[in-house]
Amino acid sequence: MESSTPMPERDNYLWKKAKARVGFQMHLRTYLIVNAGLWLIWAFTNFAFRSSGHYGSVFPWPFFAMFGWGIGLASHYLAVYHNSEKSMIEKEYQKLVSEQR
């Protein structure tokens, strides 16, 4: 049985912001899962390298993927949580208004 109360209209700005935040959370989850897998591969190959009689260790190559992807992830985080388009537009508008006077 359907509810007879109407759904409130969505605020487009808030909806876009919610979608952006969920997008970042999915990006973070993927980053963590993939990099954990890369480090596991590295750990197993490092163990196999050592157990075959070699001394030393294999270079920790997953660091490069973490670092490069981490830059993109940090940029995504800043864009979603600390770079409000609405406030930037408001600041720019106020600057233009004050320049016009």
N, C-alpha and C. Protein backbone atom coordinates (compact mmCIF):
# COMPACT_ATOMS: atom_id res chain seq x y z
N MET A 1 0.84 -1.18 0.00
CA MET A 1 0.00 0.00 0.00
C MET A 1 0.88 1.24 0.00
N GLU A 2 0.62 2.16 -0.91
CA GLU A 2 1.43 3.36 -1.04
C GLU A 2 1.01 4.40 -0.01
N SER A 3 1.98 5.17 0.40
CA SER A 3 1.72 6.25 1.35
C SER A 3 1.01 7.38 0.63
N SER A 4 0.06 8.01 1.30
CA SER A 4 -0.68 9.11 0.68
C SER A 4 0.02 10.44 0.88
N THR A 5 1.06 10.49 1.72
CA THR A 5 1.76 11.76 1.91
C THR A 5 2.70 11.99 0.74
N PRO A 6 2.66 13.17 0.17
CA PRO A 6 3.52 13.46 -0.98
C PRO A 6 4.99 13.59 -0.55
N MET A 7 5.89 13.16 -1.44
CA MET A 7 7.32 13.29 -1.18
C MET A 7 7.71 14.76 -1.34
N PRO A 8 8.52 15.28 -0.43
CA PRO A 8 8.96 16.67 -0.60
C PRO A 8 9.86 16.78 -1.82
N GLU A 9 9.83 17.93 -2.47
CA GLU A 9 10.67 18.13 -3.64
C GLU A 9 12.13 18.18 -3.23
N ARG A 10 12.96 17.66 -4.08
CA ARG A 10 14.39 17.67 -3.80
C ARG A 10 14.99 19.02 -4.15
N ASP A 11 15.92 19.45 -3.32
CA ASP A 11 16.71 20.63 -3.62
C ASP A 11 17.83 20.16 -4.55
N ASN A 12 17.87 20.69 -5.78
CA ASN A 12 18.86 20.24 -6.75
C ASN A 12 20.29 20.41 -6.27
N TYR A 13 20.57 21.51 -5.58
CA TYR A 13 21.92 21.75 -5.08
C TYR A 13 22.31 20.67 -4.07
N LEU A 14 21.43 20.38 -3.13
CA LEU A 14 21.73 19.37 -2.12
C LEU A 14 21.83 17.98 -2.73
N TRP A 15 20.99 17.71 -3.74
CA TRP A 15 21.04 16.42 -4.42
C TRP A 15 22.39 16.23 -5.12
N LYS A 16 22.88 17.28 -5.81
CA LYS A 16 24.17 17.20 -6.48
C LYS A 16 25.30 17.02 -5.46
N LYS A 17 25.19 17.72 -4.35
CA LYS A 17 26.21 17.62 -3.30
C LYS A 17 26.21 16.20 -2.71
N ALA A 18 25.04 15.63 -2.48
CA ALA A 18 24.94 14.27 -1.95
C ALA A 18 25.53 13.27 -2.95
N LYS A 19 25.24 13.44 -4.24
CA LYS A 19 25.80 12.55 -5.26
C LYS A 19 27.32 12.65 -5.31
N ALA A 20 27.84 13.86 -5.17
CA ALA A 20 29.29 14.06 -5.19
C ALA A 20 29.93 13.38 -3.99
N ARG A 21 29.31 13.49 -2.83
CA ARG A 21 29.87 12.85 -1.62
C ARG A 21 29.84 11.33 -1.73
N VAL A 22 28.75 10.79 -2.25
CA VAL A 22 28.67 9.34 -2.44
C VAL A 22 29.71 8.90 -3.47
N GLY A 23 29.89 9.70 -4.51
CA GLY A 23 30.92 9.40 -5.51
C GLY A 23 32.30 9.35 -4.89
N PHE A 24 32.61 10.29 -4.00
CA PHE A 24 33.91 10.27 -3.33
C PHE A 24 34.04 9.04 -2.45
N GLN A 25 32.98 8.70 -1.71
CA GLN A 25 33.04 7.54 -0.83
C GLN A 25 33.28 6.25 -1.62
N MET A 26 32.67 6.15 -2.79
CA MET A 26 32.89 4.98 -3.65
C MET A 26 34.33 4.97 -4.17
N HIS A 27 34.84 6.15 -4.52
CA HIS A 27 36.21 6.28 -4.98
C HIS A 27 37.19 5.85 -3.88
N LEU A 28 36.93 6.28 -2.65
CA LEU A 28 37.78 5.92 -1.52
C LEU A 28 37.75 4.41 -1.27
N ARG A 29 36.56 3.83 -1.33
CA ARG A 29 36.43 2.38 -1.12
C ARG A 29 37.21 1.61 -2.18
N THR A 30 37.09 2.01 -3.43
CA THR A 30 37.82 1.35 -4.51
C THR A 30 39.32 1.50 -4.31
N TYR A 31 39.76 2.69 -3.93
CA TYR A 31 41.18 2.95 -3.67
C TYR A 31 41.72 2.00 -2.60
N LEU A 32 40.97 1.87 -1.51
CA LEU A 32 41.42 1.02 -0.41
C LEU A 32 41.47 -0.46 -0.81
N ILE A 33 40.44 -0.92 -1.50
CA ILE A 33 40.39 -2.33 -1.90
C ILE A 33 41.49 -2.67 -2.89
N VAL A 34 41.64 -1.84 -3.92
CA VAL A 34 42.65 -2.12 -4.95
C VAL A 34 44.06 -2.04 -4.36
N ASN A 35 44.32 -1.03 -3.55
CA ASN A 35 45.66 -0.90 -3.00
C ASN A 35 45.97 -2.00 -1.98
N ALA A 36 44.97 -2.44 -1.24
CA ALA A 36 45.18 -3.58 -0.33
C ALA A 36 45.55 -4.82 -1.15
N GLY A 37 44.89 -5.01 -2.27
CA GLY A 37 45.22 -6.13 -3.15
C GLY A 37 46.62 -6.03 -3.71
N LEU A 38 47.02 -4.83 -4.11
CA LEU A 38 48.37 -4.64 -4.63
C LEU A 38 49.43 -4.95 -3.57
N TRP A 39 49.17 -4.49 -2.34
CA TRP A 39 50.12 -4.76 -1.26
C TRP A 39 50.17 -6.24 -0.91
N LEU A 40 49.03 -6.93 -1.01
CA LEU A 40 49.04 -8.37 -0.78
C LEU A 40 49.86 -9.10 -1.85
N ILE A 41 49.69 -8.68 -3.10
CA ILE A 41 50.49 -9.27 -4.18
C ILE A 41 51.97 -9.03 -3.91
N TRP A 42 52.31 -7.81 -3.54
CA TRP A 42 53.70 -7.48 -3.23
C TRP A 42 54.22 -8.34 -2.08
N ALA A 43 53.42 -8.50 -1.02
CA ALA A 43 53.85 -9.29 0.15
C ALA A 43 54.08 -10.75 -0.24
N PHE A 44 53.19 -11.32 -1.04
CA PHE A 44 53.36 -12.71 -1.45
C PHE A 44 54.59 -12.89 -2.35
N THR A 45 54.78 -11.96 -3.28
CA THR A 45 55.95 -12.07 -4.16
C THR A 45 57.24 -11.82 -3.37
N ASN A 46 57.20 -10.93 -2.41
CA ASN A 46 58.36 -10.67 -1.57
C ASN A 46 58.70 -11.92 -0.75
N PHE A 47 57.66 -12.57 -0.21
CA PHE A 47 57.86 -13.80 0.55
C PHE A 47 58.44 -14.89 -0.34
N ALA A 48 57.90 -15.02 -1.56
CA ALA A 48 58.39 -16.04 -2.49
C ALA A 48 59.84 -15.74 -2.88
N PHE A 49 60.17 -14.49 -3.04
CA PHE A 49 61.53 -14.08 -3.39
C PHE A 49 62.50 -14.47 -2.28
N ARG A 50 62.11 -14.20 -1.05
CA ARG A 50 62.98 -14.52 0.08
C ARG A 50 63.07 -16.03 0.31
N SER A 51 61.96 -16.72 0.15
CA SER A 51 61.98 -18.17 0.41
C SER A 51 62.74 -18.94 -0.65
N SER A 52 63.00 -18.32 -1.79
CA SER A 52 63.75 -19.00 -2.84
C SER A 52 65.26 -18.83 -2.64
N GLY A 53 65.66 -18.29 -1.50
CA GLY A 53 67.08 -18.20 -1.18
C GLY A 53 67.71 -16.85 -1.42
N HIS A 54 66.95 -15.89 -1.90
CA HIS A 54 67.49 -14.55 -2.13
C HIS A 54 67.45 -13.74 -0.82
N TYR A 55 68.41 -12.88 -0.70
CA TYR A 55 68.43 -12.00 0.47
C TYR A 55 67.95 -10.61 0.05
N GLY A 56 67.49 -9.87 1.02
CA GLY A 56 66.96 -8.55 0.72
C GLY A 56 65.46 -8.62 0.49
N SER A 57 64.95 -7.61 -0.13
CA SER A 57 63.51 -7.59 -0.39
C SER A 57 63.23 -6.97 -1.75
N VAL A 58 62.06 -7.22 -2.23
CA VAL A 58 61.60 -6.66 -3.50
C VAL A 58 61.17 -5.22 -3.24
N PHE A 59 61.50 -4.34 -4.16
CA PHE A 59 61.12 -2.93 -4.00
C PHE A 59 59.60 -2.80 -3.83
N PRO A 60 59.15 -1.98 -2.90
CA PRO A 60 57.70 -1.84 -2.65
C PRO A 60 57.00 -1.01 -3.73
N TRP A 61 56.82 -1.63 -4.88
CA TRP A 61 56.23 -0.95 -6.04
C TRP A 61 54.79 -0.48 -5.84
N PRO A 62 53.97 -1.07 -4.95
CA PRO A 62 52.61 -0.54 -4.80
C PRO A 62 52.57 0.91 -4.30
N PHE A 63 53.69 1.35 -3.75
CA PHE A 63 53.76 2.73 -3.28
C PHE A 63 53.46 3.71 -4.41
N PHE A 64 53.95 3.42 -5.63
CA PHE A 64 53.75 4.33 -6.75
C PHE A 64 52.26 4.46 -7.10
N ALA A 65 51.55 3.35 -7.09
CA ALA A 65 50.11 3.40 -7.36
C ALA A 65 49.38 4.16 -6.26
N MET A 66 49.76 3.90 -5.01
CA MET A 66 49.12 4.59 -3.89
C MET A 66 49.37 6.09 -3.96
N PHE A 67 50.60 6.47 -4.26
CA PHE A 67 50.95 7.88 -4.30
C PHE A 67 50.23 8.61 -5.43
N GLY A 68 50.32 8.05 -6.63
CA GLY A 68 49.69 8.70 -7.78
C GLY A 68 48.18 8.78 -7.65
N TRP A 69 47.57 7.68 -7.29
CA TRP A 69 46.12 7.64 -7.14
C TRP A 69 45.71 8.47 -5.93
N GLY A 70 46.56 8.49 -4.90
CA GLY A 70 46.26 9.28 -3.70
C GLY A 70 46.16 10.76 -3.98
N ILE A 71 46.97 11.25 -4.92
CA ILE A 71 46.88 12.66 -5.32
C ILE A 71 45.50 12.93 -5.91
N GLY A 72 45.06 12.05 -6.79
CA GLY A 72 43.72 12.21 -7.37
C GLY A 72 42.63 12.10 -6.33
N LEU A 73 42.79 11.19 -5.39
CA LEU A 73 41.80 11.01 -4.32
C LEU A 73 41.74 12.25 -3.43
N ALA A 74 42.89 12.81 -3.09
CA ALA A 74 42.93 14.02 -2.27
C ALA A 74 42.26 15.18 -3.01
N SER A 75 42.51 15.28 -4.31
CA SER A 75 41.88 16.32 -5.11
C SER A 75 40.36 16.14 -5.14
N HIS A 76 39.91 14.91 -5.27
CA HIS A 76 38.48 14.61 -5.27
C HIS A 76 37.86 15.00 -3.92
N TYR A 77 38.55 14.66 -2.82
CA TYR A 77 38.07 15.00 -1.48
C TYR A 77 37.93 16.52 -1.33
N LEU A 78 38.95 17.26 -1.72
CA LEU A 78 38.90 18.71 -1.59
C LEU A 78 37.78 19.31 -2.43
N ALA A 79 37.59 18.78 -3.63
CA ALA A 79 36.54 19.30 -4.50
C ALA A 79 35.15 19.05 -3.92
N VAL A 80 34.99 17.91 -3.25
CA VAL A 80 33.66 17.54 -2.74
C VAL A 80 33.36 18.19 -1.40
N TYR A 81 34.33 18.18 -0.48
CA TYR A 81 34.05 18.60 0.89
C TYR A 81 34.52 20.02 1.24
N HIS A 82 35.46 20.58 0.48
CA HIS A 82 35.99 21.89 0.87
C HIS A 82 35.94 22.93 -0.21
N ASN A 83 35.28 22.66 -1.28
CA ASN A 83 35.26 23.59 -2.38
C ASN A 83 33.82 23.80 -2.83
N SER A 84 33.05 24.44 -1.99
CA SER A 84 31.64 24.62 -2.29
C SER A 84 31.46 25.57 -3.47
N GLU A 85 30.91 25.03 -4.55
CA GLU A 85 30.70 25.82 -5.76
C GLU A 85 29.80 27.01 -5.47
N LYS A 86 28.79 26.79 -4.66
CA LYS A 86 27.84 27.85 -4.34
C LYS A 86 28.54 29.01 -3.64
N SER A 87 29.40 28.70 -2.66
CA SER A 87 30.09 29.77 -1.94
C SER A 87 31.11 30.47 -2.85
N MET A 88 31.75 29.71 -3.74
CA MET A 88 32.69 30.33 -4.67
C MET A 88 31.97 31.28 -5.63
N ILE A 89 30.81 30.87 -6.09
CA ILE A 89 30.02 31.73 -6.98
C ILE A 89 29.59 32.98 -6.23
N GLU A 90 29.16 32.80 -4.98
CA GLU A 90 28.74 33.94 -4.17
C GLU A 90 29.89 34.93 -3.95
N LYS A 91 31.08 34.43 -3.65
CA LYS A 91 32.25 35.30 -3.46
C LYS A 91 32.58 36.06 -4.74
N GLU A 92 32.56 35.34 -5.87
CA GLU A 92 32.87 35.98 -7.14
C GLU A 92 31.82 37.04 -7.48
N TYR A 93 30.57 36.74 -7.21
CA TYR A 93 29.49 37.70 -7.45
C TYR A 93 29.69 38.96 -6.61
N GLN A 94 30.01 38.76 -5.33
CA GLN A 94 30.22 39.91 -4.46
C GLN A 94 31.41 40.74 -4.92
N LYS A 95 32.46 40.08 -5.43
CA LYS A 95 33.62 40.80 -5.95
C LYS A 95 33.22 41.65 -7.15
N LEU A 96 32.43 41.07 -8.05
CA LEU A 96 31.99 41.80 -9.23
C LEU A 96 31.10 42.98 -8.87
N VAL A 97 30.23 42.77 -7.88
CA VAL A 97 29.35 43.87 -7.43
C VAL A 97 30.19 45.01 -6.85
N SER A 98 31.18 44.66 -6.03
CA SER A 98 32.00 45.72 -5.42
C SER A 98 32.88 46.43 -6.46
N GLU A 99 33.33 45.72 -7.51
CA GLU A 99 34.10 46.34 -8.58
C GLU A 99 33.24 47.29 -9.40
N GLN A 100 31.97 46.97 -9.53
CA GLN A 100 31.08 47.78 -10.35
C GLN A 100 30.74 49.11 -9.69
N ARG A 101 30.81 49.16 -8.38
CA ARG A 101 30.48 50.40 -7.64
C ARG A 101 31.52 51.42 -7.73
